[in-house]
N, C-alpha and C. Protein backbone atom coordinates (compact mmCIF):
# COMPACT_ATOMS: atom_id res chain seq x y z
N MET A 1 -15.84 -31.22 21.15
CA MET A 1 -16.88 -30.25 20.89
C MET A 1 -16.27 -29.12 20.05
N PRO A 2 -16.76 -28.90 18.82
CA PRO A 2 -16.18 -27.86 17.95
C PRO A 2 -16.56 -26.46 18.42
N HIS A 3 -15.63 -25.54 18.19
CA HIS A 3 -15.89 -24.13 18.50
C HIS A 3 -16.56 -23.47 17.31
N ASP A 4 -17.59 -22.72 17.56
CA ASP A 4 -18.28 -21.98 16.51
C ASP A 4 -17.95 -20.50 16.60
N GLU A 5 -16.71 -20.21 16.98
CA GLU A 5 -16.30 -18.81 17.10
C GLU A 5 -15.92 -18.27 15.73
N ALA A 6 -16.28 -17.04 15.49
CA ALA A 6 -15.91 -16.39 14.24
C ALA A 6 -14.43 -16.03 14.27
N ALA A 7 -13.84 -16.06 13.11
CA ALA A 7 -12.44 -15.66 13.01
C ALA A 7 -12.32 -14.18 13.33
N PRO A 8 -11.22 -13.78 13.94
CA PRO A 8 -11.06 -12.35 14.25
C PRO A 8 -11.09 -11.51 12.98
N SER A 9 -11.77 -10.41 13.05
CA SER A 9 -11.85 -9.55 11.88
C SER A 9 -10.63 -8.65 11.81
N SER A 10 -10.29 -8.28 10.61
CA SER A 10 -9.14 -7.42 10.39
C SER A 10 -9.53 -5.98 10.65
N SER A 11 -8.68 -5.25 11.33
CA SER A 11 -8.96 -3.84 11.56
C SER A 11 -8.22 -2.97 10.56
N PHE A 12 -7.61 -3.59 9.55
CA PHE A 12 -6.87 -2.84 8.54
C PHE A 12 -7.83 -2.12 7.62
N ASP A 13 -7.59 -0.82 7.42
CA ASP A 13 -8.42 -0.01 6.53
C ASP A 13 -7.52 0.55 5.43
N PRO A 14 -7.70 0.07 4.17
CA PRO A 14 -6.85 0.54 3.09
C PRO A 14 -6.96 2.06 2.86
N ALA A 15 -8.09 2.65 3.18
CA ALA A 15 -8.25 4.10 3.00
C ALA A 15 -7.32 4.87 3.95
N ILE A 16 -7.17 4.38 5.17
CA ILE A 16 -6.26 5.03 6.13
C ILE A 16 -4.82 4.88 5.66
N PHE A 17 -4.47 3.69 5.15
CA PHE A 17 -3.12 3.46 4.63
C PHE A 17 -2.85 4.36 3.43
N HIS A 18 -3.84 4.52 2.58
CA HIS A 18 -3.75 5.41 1.41
C HIS A 18 -3.44 6.84 1.87
N THR A 19 -4.20 7.32 2.84
CA THR A 19 -4.00 8.67 3.37
C THR A 19 -2.61 8.81 3.99
N TYR A 20 -2.19 7.79 4.72
CA TYR A 20 -0.87 7.78 5.35
C TYR A 20 0.24 7.91 4.30
N LEU A 21 0.14 7.10 3.23
CA LEU A 21 1.16 7.17 2.18
C LEU A 21 1.15 8.51 1.47
N HIS A 22 -0.03 9.08 1.28
CA HIS A 22 -0.12 10.40 0.64
C HIS A 22 0.58 11.48 1.47
N SER A 23 0.58 11.33 2.79
CA SER A 23 1.25 12.33 3.62
C SER A 23 2.73 12.00 3.84
N LEU A 24 3.10 10.72 3.80
CA LEU A 24 4.47 10.30 4.06
C LEU A 24 5.39 10.43 2.84
N LEU A 25 4.93 10.00 1.68
CA LEU A 25 5.81 9.87 0.53
C LEU A 25 6.33 11.18 -0.07
N PRO A 26 5.54 12.24 -0.13
CA PRO A 26 6.11 13.47 -0.71
C PRO A 26 7.38 13.96 0.01
N PRO A 27 7.39 14.05 1.33
CA PRO A 27 8.63 14.52 1.95
C PRO A 27 9.75 13.47 1.97
N VAL A 28 9.40 12.20 2.05
CA VAL A 28 10.43 11.15 2.14
C VAL A 28 11.08 10.87 0.79
N LEU A 29 10.27 10.76 -0.26
CA LEU A 29 10.80 10.44 -1.59
C LEU A 29 10.88 11.65 -2.52
N GLY A 30 10.37 12.77 -2.07
CA GLY A 30 10.30 13.92 -2.97
C GLY A 30 9.32 13.68 -4.10
N ALA A 31 8.27 12.93 -3.81
CA ALA A 31 7.28 12.56 -4.82
C ALA A 31 6.22 13.65 -4.96
N THR A 32 5.79 13.86 -6.17
CA THR A 32 4.71 14.80 -6.44
C THR A 32 3.38 14.04 -6.37
N PRO A 33 2.27 14.76 -6.20
CA PRO A 33 0.96 14.09 -6.21
C PRO A 33 0.72 13.28 -7.49
N GLU A 34 1.20 13.77 -8.61
CA GLU A 34 1.04 13.04 -9.87
C GLU A 34 1.81 11.72 -9.85
N GLU A 35 3.00 11.72 -9.26
CA GLU A 35 3.78 10.49 -9.17
C GLU A 35 3.13 9.48 -8.25
N LEU A 36 2.48 9.95 -7.20
CA LEU A 36 1.82 9.05 -6.26
C LEU A 36 0.69 8.27 -6.91
N GLU A 37 0.03 8.86 -7.88
CA GLU A 37 -1.12 8.20 -8.49
C GLU A 37 -0.74 6.88 -9.15
N SER A 38 0.53 6.72 -9.54
CA SER A 38 0.92 5.48 -10.21
C SER A 38 0.86 4.27 -9.28
N ILE A 39 0.94 4.45 -7.96
CA ILE A 39 0.84 3.30 -7.05
C ILE A 39 -0.59 3.06 -6.57
N PHE A 40 -1.45 4.05 -6.72
CA PHE A 40 -2.83 3.90 -6.27
C PHE A 40 -3.73 3.51 -7.43
N ASP A 41 -3.42 2.36 -8.02
CA ASP A 41 -4.21 1.88 -9.15
C ASP A 41 -5.46 1.17 -8.66
N SER A 42 -6.20 0.56 -9.57
CA SER A 42 -7.47 -0.09 -9.21
C SER A 42 -7.28 -1.31 -8.32
N GLU A 43 -6.06 -1.85 -8.22
CA GLU A 43 -5.80 -3.03 -7.40
C GLU A 43 -5.13 -2.70 -6.07
N PHE A 44 -4.93 -1.42 -5.78
CA PHE A 44 -4.21 -1.01 -4.57
C PHE A 44 -4.87 -1.56 -3.30
N ASP A 45 -6.17 -1.35 -3.13
CA ASP A 45 -6.86 -1.80 -1.92
C ASP A 45 -6.73 -3.31 -1.73
N GLU A 46 -6.90 -4.05 -2.80
CA GLU A 46 -6.80 -5.51 -2.73
C GLU A 46 -5.38 -5.95 -2.35
N ARG A 47 -4.37 -5.34 -2.96
CA ARG A 47 -2.98 -5.72 -2.68
C ARG A 47 -2.60 -5.42 -1.24
N VAL A 48 -2.91 -4.22 -0.74
CA VAL A 48 -2.49 -3.88 0.62
C VAL A 48 -3.32 -4.62 1.67
N THR A 49 -4.57 -4.93 1.37
CA THR A 49 -5.38 -5.71 2.30
C THR A 49 -4.85 -7.13 2.39
N ARG A 50 -4.48 -7.71 1.25
CA ARG A 50 -3.89 -9.05 1.24
C ARG A 50 -2.57 -9.04 2.01
N PHE A 51 -1.75 -8.01 1.79
CA PHE A 51 -0.49 -7.88 2.51
C PHE A 51 -0.73 -7.82 4.02
N ALA A 52 -1.69 -7.02 4.44
CA ALA A 52 -1.98 -6.85 5.87
C ALA A 52 -2.50 -8.14 6.49
N SER A 53 -3.28 -8.91 5.75
CA SER A 53 -3.85 -10.14 6.31
C SER A 53 -2.82 -11.27 6.39
N GLU A 54 -1.80 -11.24 5.54
CA GLU A 54 -0.77 -12.28 5.57
C GLU A 54 0.14 -12.14 6.78
N GLY A 55 0.39 -10.92 7.20
CA GLY A 55 1.19 -10.68 8.38
C GLY A 55 2.68 -10.94 8.23
N THR A 56 3.14 -11.14 7.03
CA THR A 56 4.57 -11.35 6.82
C THR A 56 5.05 -10.46 5.69
N GLY A 57 6.34 -10.27 5.63
CA GLY A 57 6.90 -9.51 4.53
C GLY A 57 6.89 -8.01 4.77
N VAL A 58 7.26 -7.30 3.75
CA VAL A 58 7.35 -5.86 3.81
C VAL A 58 6.79 -5.26 2.53
N ILE A 59 6.41 -4.01 2.59
CA ILE A 59 6.03 -3.27 1.39
C ILE A 59 7.11 -2.23 1.16
N TYR A 60 7.63 -2.22 -0.04
CA TYR A 60 8.61 -1.21 -0.43
C TYR A 60 7.96 -0.30 -1.46
N ILE A 61 8.21 0.97 -1.34
CA ILE A 61 7.79 1.92 -2.36
C ILE A 61 9.07 2.53 -2.89
N VAL A 62 9.28 2.33 -4.17
CA VAL A 62 10.54 2.70 -4.80
C VAL A 62 10.28 3.77 -5.84
N LYS A 63 11.05 4.83 -5.78
CA LYS A 63 10.99 5.85 -6.82
C LYS A 63 12.12 5.54 -7.77
N ARG A 64 11.75 5.10 -8.96
CA ARG A 64 12.73 4.65 -9.93
C ARG A 64 12.62 5.48 -11.19
N ARG A 65 13.73 5.83 -11.72
CA ARG A 65 13.75 6.60 -12.96
C ARG A 65 14.15 5.69 -14.10
N ASP A 66 13.16 5.23 -14.85
CA ASP A 66 13.40 4.40 -16.02
C ASP A 66 12.95 5.17 -17.24
N GLU A 67 12.18 4.50 -18.08
CA GLU A 67 11.65 5.18 -19.26
C GLU A 67 10.68 6.29 -18.85
N VAL A 68 9.95 6.06 -17.77
CA VAL A 68 8.99 7.05 -17.28
C VAL A 68 9.65 7.81 -16.14
N GLU A 69 9.84 9.06 -16.30
CA GLU A 69 10.53 9.90 -15.32
C GLU A 69 9.81 9.90 -13.98
N GLY A 70 10.49 9.44 -12.93
CA GLY A 70 9.96 9.54 -11.57
C GLY A 70 8.80 8.62 -11.25
N LYS A 71 8.65 7.51 -11.92
CA LYS A 71 7.53 6.61 -11.65
C LYS A 71 7.73 5.91 -10.30
N LEU A 72 6.66 5.82 -9.51
CA LEU A 72 6.71 5.12 -8.23
C LEU A 72 6.17 3.71 -8.39
N PHE A 73 6.77 2.78 -7.66
CA PHE A 73 6.35 1.39 -7.72
C PHE A 73 6.08 0.89 -6.31
N LEU A 74 4.97 0.19 -6.14
CA LEU A 74 4.63 -0.44 -4.88
C LEU A 74 5.03 -1.90 -5.01
N ILE A 75 5.99 -2.33 -4.18
CA ILE A 75 6.51 -3.69 -4.26
C ILE A 75 6.29 -4.35 -2.91
N SER A 76 5.66 -5.51 -2.93
CA SER A 76 5.46 -6.21 -1.65
C SER A 76 6.02 -7.60 -1.73
């Protein structure tokens, strides 16, 4: 007899994660609000939601000084 139960829904909210990073990164990385905007691009919600649903791996946020001074990168 097959189960017709719905898959558990995700309680991950990218907006809460966004707010969390906005409060965490300035003191930890010495990042300015302008530098933070580079990681919150149009694909941010999709990337972090996919990361949260996979349940494996880590997200790294790296402050790297290359051609663009102080650019932040979201690496998962």
